[in-house]
C-alpha atoms as a PDB file:
ATOM      1  CA  MET A   1     -12.700  85.789  73.951  1.00  0.00           C
ATOM      2  CA  GLY A   2     -11.564  87.909  70.989  1.00  0.00           C
ATOM      3  CA  ALA A   3     -13.036  91.005  69.411  1.00  0.00           C
ATOM      4  CA  TYR A   4     -15.243  88.805  67.222  1.00  0.00           C
ATOM      5  CA  GLY A   5     -16.451  86.412  69.900  1.00  0.00           C
ATOM      6  CA  THR A   6     -14.952  83.026  70.556  1.00  0.00           C
ATOM      7  CA  ASP A   7     -11.702  81.683  69.183  1.00  0.00           C
ATOM      8  CA  ARG A   8     -13.755  79.394  66.907  1.00  0.00           C
ATOM      9  CA  GLN A   9     -15.639  82.387  65.495  1.00  0.00           C
ATOM     10  CA  THR A  10     -12.393  84.257  64.880  1.00  0.00           C
ATOM     11  CA  VAL A  11     -10.918  81.237  63.096  1.00  0.00           C
ATOM     12  CA  GLU A  12     -14.074  80.954  60.981  1.00  0.00           C
ATOM     13  CA  ARG A  13     -13.572  84.588  59.956  1.00  0.00           C
ATOM     14  CA  LEU A  14     -10.054  83.676  58.856  1.00  0.00           C
ATOM     15  CA  LEU A  15     -10.886  80.476  56.998  1.00  0.00           C
ATOM     16  CA  LEU A  16     -12.944  81.854  54.117  1.00  0.00           C
ATOM     17  CA  PRO A  17     -10.491  84.551  53.005  1.00  0.00           C
ATOM     18  CA  ALA A  18      -7.666  82.045  53.536  1.00  0.00           C
ATOM     19  CA  MET A  19      -9.339  79.484  51.265  1.00  0.00           C
ATOM     20  CA  MET A  20     -10.011  82.157  48.646  1.00  0.00           C
ATOM     21  CA  GLN A  21      -6.407  83.310  48.972  1.00  0.00           C
ATOM     22  CA  VAL A  22      -5.185  79.743  48.280  1.00  0.00           C
ATOM     23  CA  VAL A  23      -7.146  79.386  45.046  1.00  0.00           C
ATOM     24  CA  LEU A  24      -6.559  82.972  43.927  1.00  0.00           C
ATOM     25  CA  THR A  25      -2.808  82.534  44.397  1.00  0.00           C
ATOM     26  CA  MET A  26      -2.924  79.494  42.096  1.00  0.00           C
ATOM     27  CA  VAL A  27      -4.958  81.415  39.519  1.00  0.00           C
ATOM     28  CA  ILE A  28      -2.470  84.287  39.626  1.00  0.00           C
ATOM     29  CA  ARG A  29       0.466  81.905  39.195  1.00  0.00           C
ATOM     30  CA  GLY A  30      -1.276  80.257  36.257  1.00  0.00           C
ATOM     31  CA  LEU A  31      -2.055  83.539  34.535  1.00  0.00           C
ATOM     32  CA  GLY A  32       1.426  84.968  34.960  1.00  0.00           C
ATOM     33  CA  ASP A  33       1.681  88.470  33.471  1.00  0.00           C
ATOM     34  CA  GLN A  34      -2.062  88.515  32.732  1.00  0.00           C
ATOM     35  CA  ALA A  35      -2.875  88.287  36.456  1.00  0.00           C
ATOM     36  CA  ALA A  36      -2.273  91.970  37.219  1.00  0.00           C
ATOM     37  CA  PRO A  37      -6.017  92.769  37.548  1.00  0.00           C
ATOM     38  CA  LEU A  38      -6.302  90.121  40.305  1.00  0.00           C
ATOM     39  CA  VAL A  39      -3.485  91.460  42.476  1.00  0.00           C
ATOM     40  CA  PRO A  40      -5.761  94.027  44.189  1.00  0.00           C
ATOM     41  CA  ALA A  41      -8.156  91.202  45.097  1.00  0.00           C
ATOM     42  CA  GLN A  42      -5.262  89.314  46.658  1.00  0.00           C
ATOM     43  CA  GLU A  43      -4.359  92.416  48.673  1.00  0.00           C
ATOM     44  CA  LEU A  44      -7.987  92.753  49.816  1.00  0.00           C
ATOM     45  CA  LEU A  45      -7.984  89.135  50.961  1.00  0.00           C
ATOM     46  CA  THR A  46      -4.844  89.828  52.962  1.00  0.00           C
ATOM     47  CA  ALA A  47      -6.644  92.779  54.563  1.00  0.00           C
ATOM     48  CA  ALA A  48      -9.652  90.534  55.260  1.00  0.00           C
ATOM     49  CA  LEU A  49      -7.331  88.112  57.027  1.00  0.00           C
ATOM     50  CA  ARG A  50      -6.030  90.913  59.237  1.00  0.00           C
ATOM     51  CA  GLU A  51      -9.424  92.348  60.251  1.00  0.00           C
ATOM     52  CA  PRO A  52     -10.381  89.735  62.851  1.00  0.00           C
ATOM     53  CA  LEU A  53      -6.879  89.846  64.337  1.00  0.00           C
ATOM     54  CA  ASP A  54      -6.354  93.572  64.725  1.00  0.00           C
ATOM     55  CA  GLN A  55      -7.616  93.848  68.289  1.00  0.00           C
ATOM     56  CA  LEU A  56      -6.093  90.649  69.639  1.00  0.00           C
ATOM     57  CA  ALA A  57      -2.951  90.288  71.736  1.00  0.00           C
ATOM     58  CA  SER A  58      -0.013  88.920  69.767  1.00  0.00           C
ATOM     59  CA  VAL A  59      -0.059  85.575  71.628  1.00  0.00           C
ATOM     60  CA  ALA A  60      -3.726  84.975  70.811  1.00  0.00           C
ATOM     61  CA  ARG A  61      -3.222  86.239  67.270  1.00  0.00           C
ATOM     62  CA  GLY A  62      -0.416  83.776  66.624  1.00  0.00           C
ATOM     63  CA  LYS A  63      -2.387  80.863  68.065  1.00  0.00           C
ATOM     64  CA  LEU A  64      -5.464  81.607  65.943  1.00  0.00           C
ATOM     65  CA  VAL A  65      -3.463  82.194  62.763  1.00  0.00           C
ATOM     66  CA  ARG A  66      -1.704  78.842  63.222  1.00  0.00           C
ATOM     67  CA  ARG A  67      -5.037  77.111  63.834  1.00  0.00           C
ATOM     68  CA  ALA A  68      -6.621  78.702  60.754  1.00  0.00           C
ATOM     69  CA  HIS A  69      -3.556  77.766  58.694  1.00  0.00           C
ATOM     70  CA  ARG A  70      -3.748  74.112  59.815  1.00  0.00           C
ATOM     71  CA  VAL A  71      -7.477  73.896  59.096  1.00  0.00           C
ATOM     72  CA  THR A  72      -7.111  75.602  55.700  1.00  0.00           C
ATOM     73  CA  GLU A  73      -4.377  73.168  54.697  1.00  0.00           C
ATOM     74  CA  ALA A  74      -6.387  70.176  55.907  1.00  0.00           C
ATOM     75  CA  VAL A  75      -9.617  71.106  54.122  1.00  0.00           C
ATOM     76  CA  MET A  76      -7.981  72.348  50.914  1.00  0.00           C
ATOM     77  CA  ALA A  77      -5.471  69.479  50.479  1.00  0.00           C
ATOM     78  CA  PRO A  78      -8.045  67.083  48.953  1.00  0.00           C
ATOM     79  CA  LEU A  79      -8.784  69.705  46.281  1.00  0.00           C
ATOM     80  CA  GLN A  80      -5.216  69.650  44.935  1.00  0.00           C
ATOM     81  CA  ASP A  81      -6.068  67.061  42.282  1.00  0.00           C
ATOM     82  CA  GLU A  82      -8.995  69.126  40.982  1.00  0.00           C
ATOM     83  CA  LEU A  83      -8.704  71.637  38.162  1.00  0.00           C
ATOM     84  CA  ILE A  84      -8.108  75.148  39.471  1.00  0.00           C
ATOM     85  CA  GLY A  85     -11.465  76.233  38.042  1.00  0.00           C
ATOM     86  CA  THR A  86     -13.194  73.529  40.059  1.00  0.00           C
ATOM     87  CA  GLN A  87     -11.369  74.670  43.194  1.00  0.00           C
ATOM     88  CA  VAL A  88     -12.326  78.311  42.619  1.00  0.00           C
ATOM     89  CA  LEU A  89     -15.962  77.453  42.023  1.00  0.00           C
ATOM     90  CA  ALA A  90     -16.159  75.020  44.945  1.00  0.00           C
ATOM     91  CA  VAL A  91     -14.859  77.632  47.396  1.00  0.00           C
ATOM     92  CA  ALA A  92     -17.190  80.246  45.897  1.00  0.00           C
ATOM     93  CA  GLN A  93     -20.144  77.872  46.054  1.00  0.00           C
ATOM     94  CA  TYR A  94     -19.442  76.969  49.671  1.00  0.00           C
ATOM     95  CA  ILE A  95     -19.286  80.661  50.613  1.00  0.00           C
ATOM     96  CA  ALA A  96     -22.531  81.270  48.713  1.00  0.00           C
ATOM     97  CA  TRP A  97     -24.115  78.317  50.534  1.00  0.00           C
ATOM     98  CA  LEU A  98     -23.130  79.834  53.899  1.00  0.00           C
ATOM     99  CA  THR A  99     -24.618  83.208  52.968  1.00  0.00           C
ATOM    100  CA  GLN A 100     -27.845  81.650  51.665  1.00  0.00           C
ATOM    101  CA  ARG A 101     -28.287  79.840  54.976  1.00  0.00           C
ATOM    102  CA  GLN A 102     -27.536  83.057  56.856  1.00  0.00           C
ATOM    103  CA  MET A 103     -24.493  81.479  58.478  1.00  0.00           C
ATOM    104  CA  LEU A 104     -22.322  84.187  56.951  1.00  0.00           C
ATOM    105  CA  ALA A 105     -22.912  87.846  56.201  1.00  0.00           C
ATOM    106  CA  VAL A 106     -20.446  89.557  53.886  1.00  0.00           C
ATOM    107  CA  GLY A 107     -20.380  93.333  54.213  1.00  0.00           C
ATOM    108  CA  ALA A 108     -20.323  94.959  50.779  1.00  0.00           C
ATOM    109  CA  GLU A 109     -17.650  97.421  51.887  1.00  0.00           C
ATOM    110  CA  SER A 110     -15.610  94.904  53.870  1.00  0.00           C
ATOM    111  CA  ALA A 111     -12.245  93.838  52.473  1.00  0.00           C
ATOM    112  CA  PHE A 112     -13.674  90.346  51.948  1.00  0.00           C
ATOM    113  CA  GLY A 113     -16.740  91.691  50.135  1.00  0.00           C
ATOM    114  CA  ARG A 114     -14.643  93.847  47.835  1.00  0.00           C
ATOM    115  CA  ALA A 115     -12.275  90.926  47.132  1.00  0.00           C
ATOM    116  CA  TRP A 116     -15.291  88.750  46.355  1.00  0.00           C
ATOM    117  CA  ASP A 117     -16.530  91.318  43.832  1.00  0.00           C
ATOM    118  CA  ALA A 118     -13.064  91.629  42.283  1.00  0.00           C
ATOM    119  CA  VAL A 119     -12.742  87.910  41.582  1.00  0.00           C
ATOM    120  CA  ALA A 120     -16.340  87.361  40.457  1.00  0.00           C
ATOM    121  CA  GLU A 121     -15.273  87.568  36.816  1.00  0.00           C
ATOM    122  CA  VAL A 122     -12.784  84.745  37.346  1.00  0.00           C
ATOM    123  CA  PHE A 123     -15.559  82.676  38.911  1.00  0.00           C
ATOM    124  CA  ASN A 124     -17.840  83.367  35.944  1.00  0.00           C
ATOM    125  CA  VAL A 125     -15.213  82.378  33.364  1.00  0.00           C
ATOM    126  CA  ALA A 126     -14.448  79.153  35.241  1.00  0.00           C
ATOM    127  CA  ALA A 127     -18.161  78.348  35.569  1.00  0.00           C
ATOM    128  CA  GLU A 128     -18.540  78.107  31.814  1.00  0.00           C
ATOM    129  CA  GLU A 129     -16.020  75.265  31.597  1.00  0.00           C
ATOM    130  CA  ILE A 130     -16.687  73.101  34.665  1.00  0.00           C
ATOM    131  CA  ASP A 131     -19.342  70.452  35.271  1.00  0.00           C
ATOM    132  CA  PRO A 132     -21.644  71.896  37.979  1.00  0.00           C
ATOM    133  CA  ARG A 133     -22.200  68.419  39.481  1.00  0.00           C
ATOM    134  CA  LEU A 134     -18.467  68.134  40.102  1.00  0.00           C
ATOM    135  CA  VAL A 135     -18.427  71.575  41.725  1.00  0.00           C
ATOM    136  CA  ASP A 136     -21.388  70.567  43.922  1.00  0.00           C
ATOM    137  CA  ALA A 137     -19.570  67.438  45.081  1.00  0.00           C
ATOM    138  CA  VAL A 138     -16.287  69.247  45.748  1.00  0.00           C
ATOM    139  CA  ALA A 139     -18.039  72.082  47.635  1.00  0.00           C
ATOM    140  CA  ALA A 140     -20.004  69.552  49.703  1.00  0.00           C
ATOM    141  CA  GLY A 141     -16.782  67.750  50.594  1.00  0.00           C
ATOM    142  CA  LEU A 142     -15.181  71.053  51.571  1.00  0.00           C
ATOM    143  CA  GLY A 143     -18.114  71.808  53.866  1.00  0.00           C
ATOM    144  CA  GLN A 144     -18.011  68.338  55.401  1.00  0.00           C
ATOM    145  CA  ARG A 145     -14.294  68.658  56.149  1.00  0.00           C
ATOM    146  CA  LEU A 146     -14.823  72.069  57.745  1.00  0.00           C
ATOM    147  CA  GLN A 147     -17.684  70.763  59.879  1.00  0.00           C
ATOM    148  CA  ALA A 148     -15.610  67.731  60.895  1.00  0.00           C
ATOM    149  CA  GLN A 149     -12.989  70.195  62.141  1.00  0.00           C
ATOM    150  CA  GLY A 150     -15.709  71.966  64.173  1.00  0.00           C
ATOM    151  CA  TYR A 151     -16.300  74.984  61.911  1.00  0.00           C
ATOM    152  CA  PHE A 152     -19.406  76.368  60.188  1.00  0.00           C
ATOM    153  CA  ARG A 153     -21.742  73.945  61.867  1.00  0.00           C
ATOM    154  CA  VAL A 154     -25.424  74.471  61.260  1.00  0.00           C
ATOM    155  CA  GLY A 155     -26.809  76.914  63.782  1.00  0.00           C
ATOM    156  CA  SER A 156     -23.771  79.194  63.945  1.00  0.00           C
ATOM    157  CA  ALA A 157     -23.907  82.633  62.368  1.00  0.00           C
ATOM    158  CA  GLU A 158     -20.787  84.606  61.464  1.00  0.00           C
ATOM    159  CA  ALA A 159     -20.057  87.842  59.642  1.00  0.00           C
ATOM    160  CA  ALA A 160     -17.105  88.502  57.368  1.00  0.00           C
END
């Protein structure tokens, strides 16, 4: 068992910053030179990805990183045909859903919490242009794919 509990719990701690990192990377690519204000958020997400791994042996670390990478790719792949704004909002909405159900606690001073605050403006701009029903459906699908993989099932409680 790792510093944050079971392997599943450690992978769950990796998945949310990894999913945010995926969509933020696409936003940054799309914005080009105008993306400079988002680079610190990307660095914070990288730090958030390292936090659950810091106290693990390198063998365990590698195994869990590969697992989180596979799951992230599997659950995010169906979003590729969606507008980037829809992807951003769906990931944000899923994270918000987890926190509302007390399945996730985001520390305000954690790297993940600070990254969340840093990209909130991007989320707000995207929200003005995207149909909320579409975001609901995409976020629900994201959650279903994660649960099908064995993550964030009702009754588990994690902290990021």
